[in-house]
C-alpha atoms as a PDB file:
ATOM      1  CA  MET A   1      60.580  65.030   7.299  1.00  0.00           C
ATOM      2  CA  SER A   2      57.197  63.611   8.264  1.00  0.00           C
ATOM      3  CA  LEU A   3      54.712  62.070   5.925  1.00  0.00           C
ATOM      4  CA  SER A   4      51.189  63.007   6.794  1.00  0.00           C
ATOM      5  CA  THR A   5      48.298  60.874   5.817  1.00  0.00           C
ATOM      6  CA  PRO A   6      45.243  62.635   4.466  1.00  0.00           C
ATOM      7  CA  THR A   7      42.720  63.162   7.200  1.00  0.00           C
ATOM      8  CA  LYS A   8      39.217  62.029   6.569  1.00  0.00           C
ATOM      9  CA  THR A   9      36.525  64.645   7.071  1.00  0.00           C
ATOM     10  CA  PRO A  10      34.903  63.936  10.429  1.00  0.00           C
ATOM     11  CA  PRO A  11      31.161  63.323  10.488  1.00  0.00           C
ATOM     12  CA  ASP A  12      29.204  66.512  11.092  1.00  0.00           C
ATOM     13  CA  CYS A  13      25.640  65.369  10.393  1.00  0.00           C
ATOM     14  CA  LEU A  14      23.427  62.419  11.236  1.00  0.00           C
ATOM     15  CA  LEU A  15      21.185  60.920   8.567  1.00  0.00           C
ATOM     16  CA  THR A  16      18.285  58.927   9.983  1.00  0.00           C
ATOM     17  CA  LEU A  17      16.236  56.644   7.740  1.00  0.00           C
ATOM     18  CA  ALA A  18      12.944  55.058   8.838  1.00  0.00           C
ATOM     19  CA  LEU A  19      11.768  52.230   6.607  1.00  0.00           C
ATOM     20  CA  PRO A  20       9.489  49.198   6.552  1.00  0.00           C
ATOM     21  CA  GLN A  21      11.015  45.927   7.707  1.00  0.00           C
ATOM     22  CA  SER A  22      10.437  44.540   4.214  1.00  0.00           C
ATOM     23  CA  LEU A  23      13.128  46.927   2.876  1.00  0.00           C
ATOM     24  CA  GLU A  24      15.685  46.326   5.636  1.00  0.00           C
ATOM     25  CA  GLU A  25      18.040  43.957   3.823  1.00  0.00           C
ATOM     26  CA  GLU A  26      17.896  45.951   0.601  1.00  0.00           C
ATOM     27  CA  MET A  27      18.768  49.172   2.466  1.00  0.00           C
ATOM     28  CA  LEU A  28      21.574  47.581   4.469  1.00  0.00           C
ATOM     29  CA  ASP A  29      23.063  45.975   1.348  1.00  0.00           C
ATOM     30  CA  LEU A  30      22.903  49.314  -0.442  1.00  0.00           C
ATOM     31  CA  LEU A  31      24.648  51.149   2.407  1.00  0.00           C
ATOM     32  CA  LEU A  32      27.270  48.406   2.705  1.00  0.00           C
ATOM     33  CA  SER A  33      28.030  48.784  -1.009  1.00  0.00           C
ATOM     34  CA  HIS A  34      29.016  52.442  -0.393  1.00  0.00           C
ATOM     35  CA  PRO A  35      31.526  52.328   2.487  1.00  0.00           C
ATOM     36  CA  ASP A  36      33.083  55.602   1.334  1.00  0.00           C
ATOM     37  CA  MET A  37      29.838  57.441   2.170  1.00  0.00           C
ATOM     38  CA  ALA A  38      28.457  55.158   4.887  1.00  0.00           C
ATOM     39  CA  PRO A  39      31.499  53.623   6.608  1.00  0.00           C
ATOM     40  CA  GLY A  40      29.289  52.415   9.435  1.00  0.00           C
ATOM     41  CA  PHE A  41      25.758  52.774  10.666  1.00  0.00           C
ATOM     42  CA  THR A  42      23.408  51.826  13.459  1.00  0.00           C
ATOM     43  CA  VAL A  43      20.243  49.771  12.975  1.00  0.00           C
ATOM     44  CA  VAL A  44      17.456  49.670  15.557  1.00  0.00           C
ATOM     45  CA  GLN A  45      13.863  48.490  15.669  1.00  0.00           C
ATOM     46  CA  GLY A  46      11.201  51.165  15.862  1.00  0.00           C
ATOM     47  CA  GLN A  47       7.533  51.855  15.284  1.00  0.00           C
ATOM     48  CA  GLY A  48       5.997  54.387  12.949  1.00  0.00           C
ATOM     49  CA  VAL A  49       2.786  56.258  13.616  1.00  0.00           C
ATOM     50  CA  GLY A  50       1.098  58.724  11.294  1.00  0.00           C
ATOM     51  CA  ARG A  51      -1.013  59.198   8.238  1.00  0.00           C
ATOM     52  CA  HIS A  52       1.785  58.227   5.814  1.00  0.00           C
ATOM     53  CA  ILE A  53       2.430  54.886   7.515  1.00  0.00           C
ATOM     54  CA  GLN A  54       1.034  51.820   5.777  1.00  0.00           C
ATOM     55  CA  LEU A  55      -0.179  49.265   8.303  1.00  0.00           C
ATOM     56  CA  ALA A  56       0.752  45.930   6.736  1.00  0.00           C
ATOM     57  CA  SER A  57      -0.532  43.330   9.175  1.00  0.00           C
ATOM     58  CA  GLY A  58      -3.706  42.884  11.149  1.00  0.00           C
ATOM     59  CA  MET A  59      -1.777  43.454  14.381  1.00  0.00           C
ATOM     60  CA  GLU A  60      -0.403  46.749  13.043  1.00  0.00           C
ATOM     61  CA  GLN A  61      -3.922  47.817  12.095  1.00  0.00           C
ATOM     62  CA  VAL A  62      -5.182  47.039  15.603  1.00  0.00           C
ATOM     63  CA  GLN A  63      -2.252  48.818  17.257  1.00  0.00           C
ATOM     64  CA  GLY A  64      -2.312  51.753  14.847  1.00  0.00           C
ATOM     65  CA  ARG A  65       1.452  51.663  14.328  1.00  0.00           C
ATOM     66  CA  ALA A  66       3.834  49.868  12.000  1.00  0.00           C
ATOM     67  CA  ARG A  67       7.141  48.183  12.691  1.00  0.00           C
ATOM     68  CA  ARG A  68      10.008  50.175  11.260  1.00  0.00           C
ATOM     69  CA  ILE A  69      13.744  49.835  10.913  1.00  0.00           C
ATOM     70  CA  ILE A  70      15.675  52.931  11.945  1.00  0.00           C
ATOM     71  CA  VAL A  71      19.091  53.344  10.320  1.00  0.00           C
ATOM     72  CA  GLN A  72      21.426  56.109  11.444  1.00  0.00           C
ATOM     73  CA  VAL A  73      24.505  57.128   9.477  1.00  0.00           C
ATOM     74  CA  ALA A  74      27.044  59.644  10.794  1.00  0.00           C
ATOM     75  CA  LEU A  75      28.713  61.283   7.808  1.00  0.00           C
ATOM     76  CA  ALA A  76      30.235  64.473   6.490  1.00  0.00           C
ATOM     77  CA  GLN A  77      27.562  66.858   5.267  1.00  0.00           C
ATOM     78  CA  ALA A  78      29.447  67.212   1.974  1.00  0.00           C
ATOM     79  CA  GLN A  79      28.697  63.527   1.236  1.00  0.00           C
ATOM     80  CA  LEU A  80      24.991  63.787   2.072  1.00  0.00           C
ATOM     81  CA  PRO A  81      23.665  64.879  -1.368  1.00  0.00           C
ATOM     82  CA  SER A  82      25.485  62.027  -3.118  1.00  0.00           C
ATOM     83  CA  LEU A  83      24.261  59.407  -0.663  1.00  0.00           C
ATOM     84  CA  LEU A  84      20.672  60.670  -0.827  1.00  0.00           C
ATOM     85  CA  ALA A  85      20.819  60.620  -4.639  1.00  0.00           C
ATOM     86  CA  ILE A  86      21.935  56.978  -4.583  1.00  0.00           C
ATOM     87  CA  LEU A  87      19.222  56.029  -2.092  1.00  0.00           C
ATOM     88  CA  ARG A  88      16.536  57.816  -4.120  1.00  0.00           C
ATOM     89  CA  HIS A  89      17.676  56.074  -7.304  1.00  0.00           C
ATOM     90  CA  GLU A  90      18.024  52.572  -5.831  1.00  0.00           C
ATOM     91  CA  LEU A  91      15.131  52.593  -3.319  1.00  0.00           C
ATOM     92  CA  PRO A  92      12.528  55.124  -4.515  1.00  0.00           C
ATOM     93  CA  SER A  93       9.916  54.304  -1.883  1.00  0.00           C
ATOM     94  CA  PRO A  94       7.515  56.808  -0.342  1.00  0.00           C
ATOM     95  CA  GLN A  95       7.554  54.501   2.706  1.00  0.00           C
ATOM     96  CA  ILE A  96      11.151  55.511   3.482  1.00  0.00           C
ATOM     97  CA  ALA A  97      11.350  58.708   5.508  1.00  0.00           C
ATOM     98  CA  TYR A  98      14.581  60.493   6.323  1.00  0.00           C
ATOM     99  CA  TRP A  99      15.798  63.446   8.309  1.00  0.00           C
ATOM    100  CA  VAL A 100      19.179  65.054   8.893  1.00  0.00           C
ATOM    101  CA  VAL A 101      20.422  66.801  12.016  1.00  0.00           C
ATOM    102  CA  PRO A 102      23.748  68.427  12.888  1.00  0.00           C
ATOM    103  CA  LEU A 103      26.210  66.193  14.682  1.00  0.00           C
ATOM    104  CA  LEU A 104      28.003  68.204  17.364  1.00  0.00           C
ATOM    105  CA  ALA A 105      30.594  65.564  18.203  1.00  0.00           C
ATOM    106  CA  PHE A 106      31.635  62.091  17.130  1.00  0.00           C
ATOM    107  CA  GLY A 107      34.360  59.906  18.571  1.00  0.00           C
ATOM    108  CA  ARG A 108      35.355  56.755  20.396  1.00  0.00           C
ATOM    109  CA  LEU A 109      35.620  56.405  24.157  1.00  0.00           C
ATOM    110  CA  GLY A 110      38.729  54.275  23.934  1.00  0.00           C
ATOM    111  CA  VAL A 111      41.712  53.566  21.735  1.00  0.00           C
ATOM    112  CA  SER A 112      41.068  51.005  19.006  1.00  0.00           C
ATOM    113  CA  ALA A 113      43.379  48.025  18.865  1.00  0.00           C
END
């Protein structure tokens, strides 16, 4: 007789969030407080360009682009509505943009220790 452990639903979508640097710590803390929906994520520096971007500093106004934090979360699509609802409730900022794309594959290149 073998005991099987429940398998976790593999990630099948990628949520990308683009936000002002001023909201970085708040967003990361919020995601860290929901490890069941966001067990891990990637954070990179980026720049936003467009009519909805608020240019905060003089340098941003000269350059015409704003510094942004890009957060990517690989998750199961079934969890997406719940996570977006939490984010909308806790960080209701029009300066946070998001998009979701299908994730064709997700894995590790080696065996974890």
